[in-house]
Amino acid sequence: MAHHKSALKRIRQTDVRTERNRARRSRIRTFVKKVELAVVEGDQTKANEALRVAQSELDRGVTKGVYKKNTAARKISRLNARVKALSA
């Protein structure tokens, strides 16, 4: 256990950030899951709408530091490809 005041504060800050990031990551996963569910159901309009929202959430995750830029881009790209495959 830390003894310095600054180290104790850093521990508190880390705990708060960890919880916040965990919640953000969970929220993003939920939106991604909605896209995947719509794709499995074969509902084009529902999938497009869910993709739009999921893309927004993934981009927000990048700005908040939860995901790296390329990770979010890769996830968006793969989701987009699955949604586009519905129309073919």
N, C-alpha and C. Protein backbone atom coordinates (compact mmCIF):
# COMPACT_ATOMS: atom_id res chain seq x y z
N MET A 1 0.85 -1.19 0.00
CA MET A 1 0.00 0.00 0.00
C MET A 1 0.89 1.24 0.00
N ALA A 2 0.45 2.24 -0.74
CA ALA A 2 1.21 3.48 -0.85
C ALA A 2 1.09 4.29 0.45
N HIS A 3 2.11 5.09 0.71
CA HIS A 3 2.12 5.91 1.92
C HIS A 3 2.08 7.40 1.62
N HIS A 4 2.59 7.78 0.45
CA HIS A 4 2.62 9.20 0.10
C HIS A 4 1.23 9.65 -0.32
N LYS A 5 0.94 10.91 0.01
CA LYS A 5 -0.35 11.48 -0.32
C LYS A 5 -0.62 11.44 -1.83
N SER A 6 0.40 11.77 -2.61
CA SER A 6 0.24 11.81 -4.06
C SER A 6 0.01 10.41 -4.62
N ALA A 7 0.67 9.41 -4.05
CA ALA A 7 0.50 8.03 -4.52
C ALA A 7 -0.90 7.53 -4.19
N LEU A 8 -1.42 7.91 -3.02
CA LEU A 8 -2.78 7.52 -2.64
C LEU A 8 -3.80 8.15 -3.59
N LYS A 9 -3.54 9.40 -3.97
CA LYS A 9 -4.43 10.08 -4.91
C LYS A 9 -4.40 9.40 -6.27
N ARG A 10 -3.20 9.01 -6.71
CA ARG A 10 -3.08 8.33 -8.01
C ARG A 10 -3.85 7.01 -8.00
N ILE A 11 -3.83 6.31 -6.88
CA ILE A 11 -4.58 5.05 -6.77
C ILE A 11 -6.07 5.32 -6.90
N ARG A 12 -6.55 6.38 -6.23
CA ARG A 12 -7.97 6.73 -6.32
C ARG A 12 -8.35 7.09 -7.76
N GLN A 13 -7.50 7.88 -8.41
CA GLN A 13 -7.77 8.30 -9.79
C GLN A 13 -7.80 7.10 -10.73
N THR A 14 -6.88 6.19 -10.53
CA THR A 14 -6.82 4.99 -11.37
C THR A 14 -8.09 4.16 -11.22
N ASP A 15 -8.57 4.02 -9.98
CA ASP A 15 -9.80 3.27 -9.74
C ASP A 15 -10.99 3.90 -10.46
N VAL A 16 -11.09 5.22 -10.39
CA VAL A 16 -12.19 5.93 -11.03
C VAL A 16 -12.11 5.76 -12.55
N ARG A 17 -10.91 5.94 -13.11
CA ARG A 17 -10.74 5.81 -14.56
C ARG A 17 -11.01 4.38 -15.02
N THR A 18 -10.58 3.40 -14.23
CA THR A 18 -10.81 2.00 -14.60
C THR A 18 -12.30 1.71 -14.68
N GLU A 19 -13.05 2.15 -13.70
CA GLU A 19 -14.50 1.94 -13.70
C GLU A 19 -15.16 2.64 -14.89
N ARG A 20 -14.73 3.85 -15.15
CA ARG A 20 -15.31 4.64 -16.25
C ARG A 20 -15.03 3.96 -17.59
N ASN A 21 -13.78 3.53 -17.78
CA ASN A 21 -13.40 2.87 -19.04
C ASN A 21 -14.12 1.54 -19.19
N ARG A 22 -14.28 0.81 -18.10
CA ARG A 22 -14.98 -0.47 -18.14
C ARG A 22 -16.43 -0.26 -18.58
N ALA A 23 -17.06 0.78 -18.05
CA ALA A 23 -18.44 1.09 -18.42
C ALA A 23 -18.53 1.49 -19.89
N ARG A 24 -17.58 2.29 -20.35
CA ARG A 24 -17.58 2.73 -21.75
C ARG A 24 -17.40 1.54 -22.68
N ARG A 25 -16.45 0.67 -22.34
CA ARG A 25 -16.18 -0.50 -23.18
C ARG A 25 -17.40 -1.42 -23.24
N SER A 26 -18.06 -1.57 -22.11
CA SER A 26 -19.26 -2.40 -22.06
C SER A 26 -20.37 -1.80 -22.92
N ARG A 27 -20.53 -0.50 -22.85
CA ARG A 27 -21.54 0.21 -23.64
C ARG A 27 -21.27 0.03 -25.13
N ILE A 28 -20.01 0.15 -25.53
CA ILE A 28 -19.64 -0.01 -26.93
C ILE A 28 -19.93 -1.44 -27.39
N ARG A 29 -19.57 -2.41 -26.56
CA ARG A 29 -19.82 -3.82 -26.91
C ARG A 29 -21.31 -4.08 -27.12
N THR A 30 -22.14 -3.43 -26.31
CA THR A 30 -23.59 -3.59 -26.43
C THR A 30 -24.07 -3.09 -27.79
N PHE A 31 -23.59 -1.94 -28.22
CA PHE A 31 -24.00 -1.39 -29.51
C PHE A 31 -23.49 -2.25 -30.67
N VAL A 32 -22.29 -2.79 -30.54
CA VAL A 32 -21.73 -3.67 -31.57
C VAL A 32 -22.57 -4.95 -31.65
N LYS A 33 -22.97 -5.44 -30.48
CA LYS A 33 -23.78 -6.66 -30.43
C LYS A 33 -25.13 -6.45 -31.13
N LYS A 34 -25.69 -5.24 -31.01
CA LYS A 34 -26.96 -4.95 -31.66
C LYS A 34 -26.81 -5.02 -33.19
N VAL A 35 -25.67 -4.55 -33.70
CA VAL A 35 -25.42 -4.64 -35.14
C VAL A 35 -25.33 -6.10 -35.55
N GLU A 36 -24.56 -6.88 -34.80
CA GLU A 36 -24.38 -8.29 -35.14
C GLU A 36 -25.70 -9.05 -35.09
N LEU A 37 -26.54 -8.72 -34.13
CA LEU A 37 -27.85 -9.36 -34.02
C LEU A 37 -28.73 -9.04 -35.22
N ALA A 38 -28.71 -7.77 -35.65
CA ALA A 38 -29.49 -7.36 -36.82
C ALA A 38 -28.99 -8.05 -38.08
N VAL A 39 -27.68 -8.26 -38.17
CA VAL A 39 -27.11 -8.95 -39.33
C VAL A 39 -27.57 -10.40 -39.35
N VAL A 40 -27.54 -11.04 -38.18
CA VAL A 40 -27.97 -12.45 -38.09
C VAL A 40 -29.45 -12.58 -38.47
N GLU A 41 -30.26 -11.61 -38.03
CA GLU A 41 -31.68 -11.63 -38.36
C GLU A 41 -31.91 -11.33 -39.84
N GLY A 42 -30.95 -10.66 -40.47
CA GLY A 42 -31.08 -10.32 -41.88
C GLY A 42 -31.88 -9.05 -42.13
N ASP A 43 -32.03 -8.22 -41.11
CA ASP A 43 -32.79 -6.97 -41.22
C ASP A 43 -31.85 -5.83 -41.65
N GLN A 44 -31.93 -5.44 -42.91
CA GLN A 44 -31.03 -4.44 -43.50
C GLN A 44 -31.18 -3.07 -42.83
N THR A 45 -32.43 -2.59 -42.70
CA THR A 45 -32.64 -1.25 -42.15
C THR A 45 -32.22 -1.17 -40.69
N LYS A 46 -32.56 -2.21 -39.94
CA LYS A 46 -32.18 -2.25 -38.52
C LYS A 46 -30.66 -2.30 -38.37
N ALA A 47 -30.01 -3.06 -39.25
CA ALA A 47 -28.56 -3.20 -39.21
C ALA A 47 -27.88 -1.87 -39.54
N ASN A 48 -28.41 -1.16 -40.55
CA ASN A 48 -27.83 0.14 -40.93
C ASN A 48 -27.94 1.14 -39.79
N GLU A 49 -29.10 1.18 -39.15
CA GLU A 49 -29.30 2.11 -38.04
C GLU A 49 -28.39 1.76 -36.86
N ALA A 50 -28.31 0.47 -36.56
CA ALA A 50 -27.46 0.03 -35.45
C ALA A 50 -25.99 0.30 -35.76
N LEU A 51 -25.60 0.15 -37.01
CA LEU A 51 -24.21 0.42 -37.42
C LEU A 51 -23.88 1.89 -37.23
N ARG A 52 -24.81 2.75 -37.61
CA ARG A 52 -24.59 4.19 -37.47
C ARG A 52 -24.33 4.56 -36.00
N VAL A 53 -25.14 4.00 -35.10
CA VAL A 53 -24.99 4.29 -33.68
C VAL A 53 -23.70 3.67 -33.13
N ALA A 54 -23.41 2.44 -33.55
CA ALA A 54 -22.21 1.75 -33.07
C ALA A 54 -20.95 2.47 -33.53
N GLN A 55 -20.97 2.97 -34.76
CA GLN A 55 -19.81 3.69 -35.28
C GLN A 55 -19.56 4.95 -34.47
N SER A 56 -20.62 5.64 -34.13
CA SER A 56 -20.52 6.84 -33.31
C SER A 56 -19.93 6.51 -31.94
N GLU A 57 -20.39 5.43 -31.34
CA GLU A 57 -19.90 5.02 -30.02
C GLU A 57 -18.42 4.61 -30.09
N LEU A 58 -18.05 3.89 -31.13
CA LEU A 58 -16.65 3.48 -31.27
C LEU A 58 -15.75 4.70 -31.43
N ASP A 59 -16.20 5.67 -32.23
CA ASP A 59 -15.41 6.89 -32.41
C ASP A 59 -15.29 7.65 -31.09
N ARG A 60 -16.36 7.65 -30.31
CA ARG A 60 -16.31 8.31 -29.01
C ARG A 60 -15.34 7.59 -28.09
N GLY A 61 -15.31 6.26 -28.20
CA GLY A 61 -14.37 5.47 -27.42
C GLY A 61 -12.93 5.82 -27.73
N VAL A 62 -12.66 6.17 -28.99
CA VAL A 62 -11.31 6.58 -29.38
C VAL A 62 -10.95 7.91 -28.72
N THR A 63 -11.88 8.86 -28.78
CA THR A 63 -11.59 10.18 -28.21
C THR A 63 -11.43 10.12 -26.70
N LYS A 64 -12.12 9.15 -26.06
CA LYS A 64 -12.02 9.02 -24.60
C LYS A 64 -10.85 8.14 -24.18
N GLY A 65 -10.15 7.56 -25.15
CA GLY A 65 -8.96 6.78 -24.82
C GLY A 65 -9.22 5.33 -24.46
N VAL A 66 -10.43 4.84 -24.75
CA VAL A 66 -10.76 3.45 -24.44
C VAL A 66 -10.17 2.52 -25.50
N TYR A 67 -10.28 2.94 -26.77
CA TYR A 67 -9.73 2.17 -27.88
C TYR A 67 -8.72 3.01 -28.63
N LYS A 68 -7.77 2.34 -29.29
CA LYS A 68 -6.86 3.05 -30.18
C LYS A 68 -7.58 3.29 -31.50
N LYS A 69 -7.08 4.26 -32.25
CA LYS A 69 -7.74 4.68 -33.48
C LYS A 69 -7.88 3.53 -34.48
N ASN A 70 -6.80 2.78 -34.68
CA ASN A 70 -6.84 1.70 -35.66
C ASN A 70 -7.74 0.55 -35.22
N THR A 71 -7.82 0.32 -33.92
CA THR A 71 -8.70 -0.74 -33.41
C THR A 71 -10.15 -0.41 -33.73
N ALA A 72 -10.54 0.82 -33.47
CA ALA A 72 -11.91 1.23 -33.76
C ALA A 72 -12.17 1.20 -35.26
N ALA A 73 -11.21 1.63 -36.05
CA ALA A 73 -11.37 1.63 -37.50
C ALA A 73 -11.54 0.20 -38.01
N ARG A 74 -10.78 -0.72 -37.46
CA ARG A 74 -10.89 -2.13 -37.86
C ARG A 74 -12.26 -2.70 -37.51
N LYS A 75 -12.73 -2.40 -36.29
CA LYS A 75 -14.03 -2.90 -35.86
C LYS A 75 -15.15 -2.32 -36.73
N ILE A 76 -15.09 -1.04 -37.02
CA ILE A 76 -16.09 -0.39 -37.86
C ILE A 76 -16.07 -0.99 -39.26
N SER A 77 -14.89 -1.20 -39.78
CA SER A 77 -14.74 -1.75 -41.13
C SER A 77 -15.35 -3.14 -41.22
N ARG A 78 -15.09 -3.97 -40.24
CA ARG A 78 -15.62 -5.33 -40.26
C ARG A 78 -17.13 -5.35 -40.10
N LEU A 79 -17.65 -4.47 -39.24
CA LEU A 79 -19.10 -4.39 -39.09
C LEU A 79 -19.75 -3.91 -40.38
N ASN A 80 -19.13 -2.90 -40.99
CA ASN A 80 -19.65 -2.35 -42.23
C ASN A 80 -19.68 -3.41 -43.32
N ALA A 81 -18.64 -4.23 -43.40
CA ALA A 81 -18.58 -5.28 -44.42
C ALA A 81 -19.70 -6.30 -44.20
N ARG A 82 -19.98 -6.62 -42.95
CA ARG A 82 -21.05 -7.58 -42.66
C ARG A 82 -22.43 -7.01 -43.00
N VAL A 83 -22.61 -5.72 -42.76
CA VAL A 83 -23.89 -5.09 -43.06
C VAL A 83 -24.07 -5.00 -44.58
N LYS A 84 -22.99 -4.65 -45.30
CA LYS A 84 -23.06 -4.56 -46.75
C LYS A 84 -23.34 -5.90 -47.39
N ALA A 85 -22.84 -6.97 -46.77
CA ALA A 85 -23.05 -8.31 -47.32
C ALA A 85 -24.53 -8.70 -47.29
N LEU A 86 -25.31 -8.06 -46.44
CA LEU A 86 -26.75 -8.34 -46.37
C LEU A 86 -27.45 -7.97 -47.69
N SER A 87 -27.04 -6.84 -48.27
CA SER A 87 -27.71 -6.35 -49.46
C SER A 87 -27.34 -7.17 -50.70
N ALA A 88 -26.20 -7.86 -50.65
CA ALA A 88 -25.77 -8.64 -51.82
C ALA A 88 -26.49 -9.96 -51.93
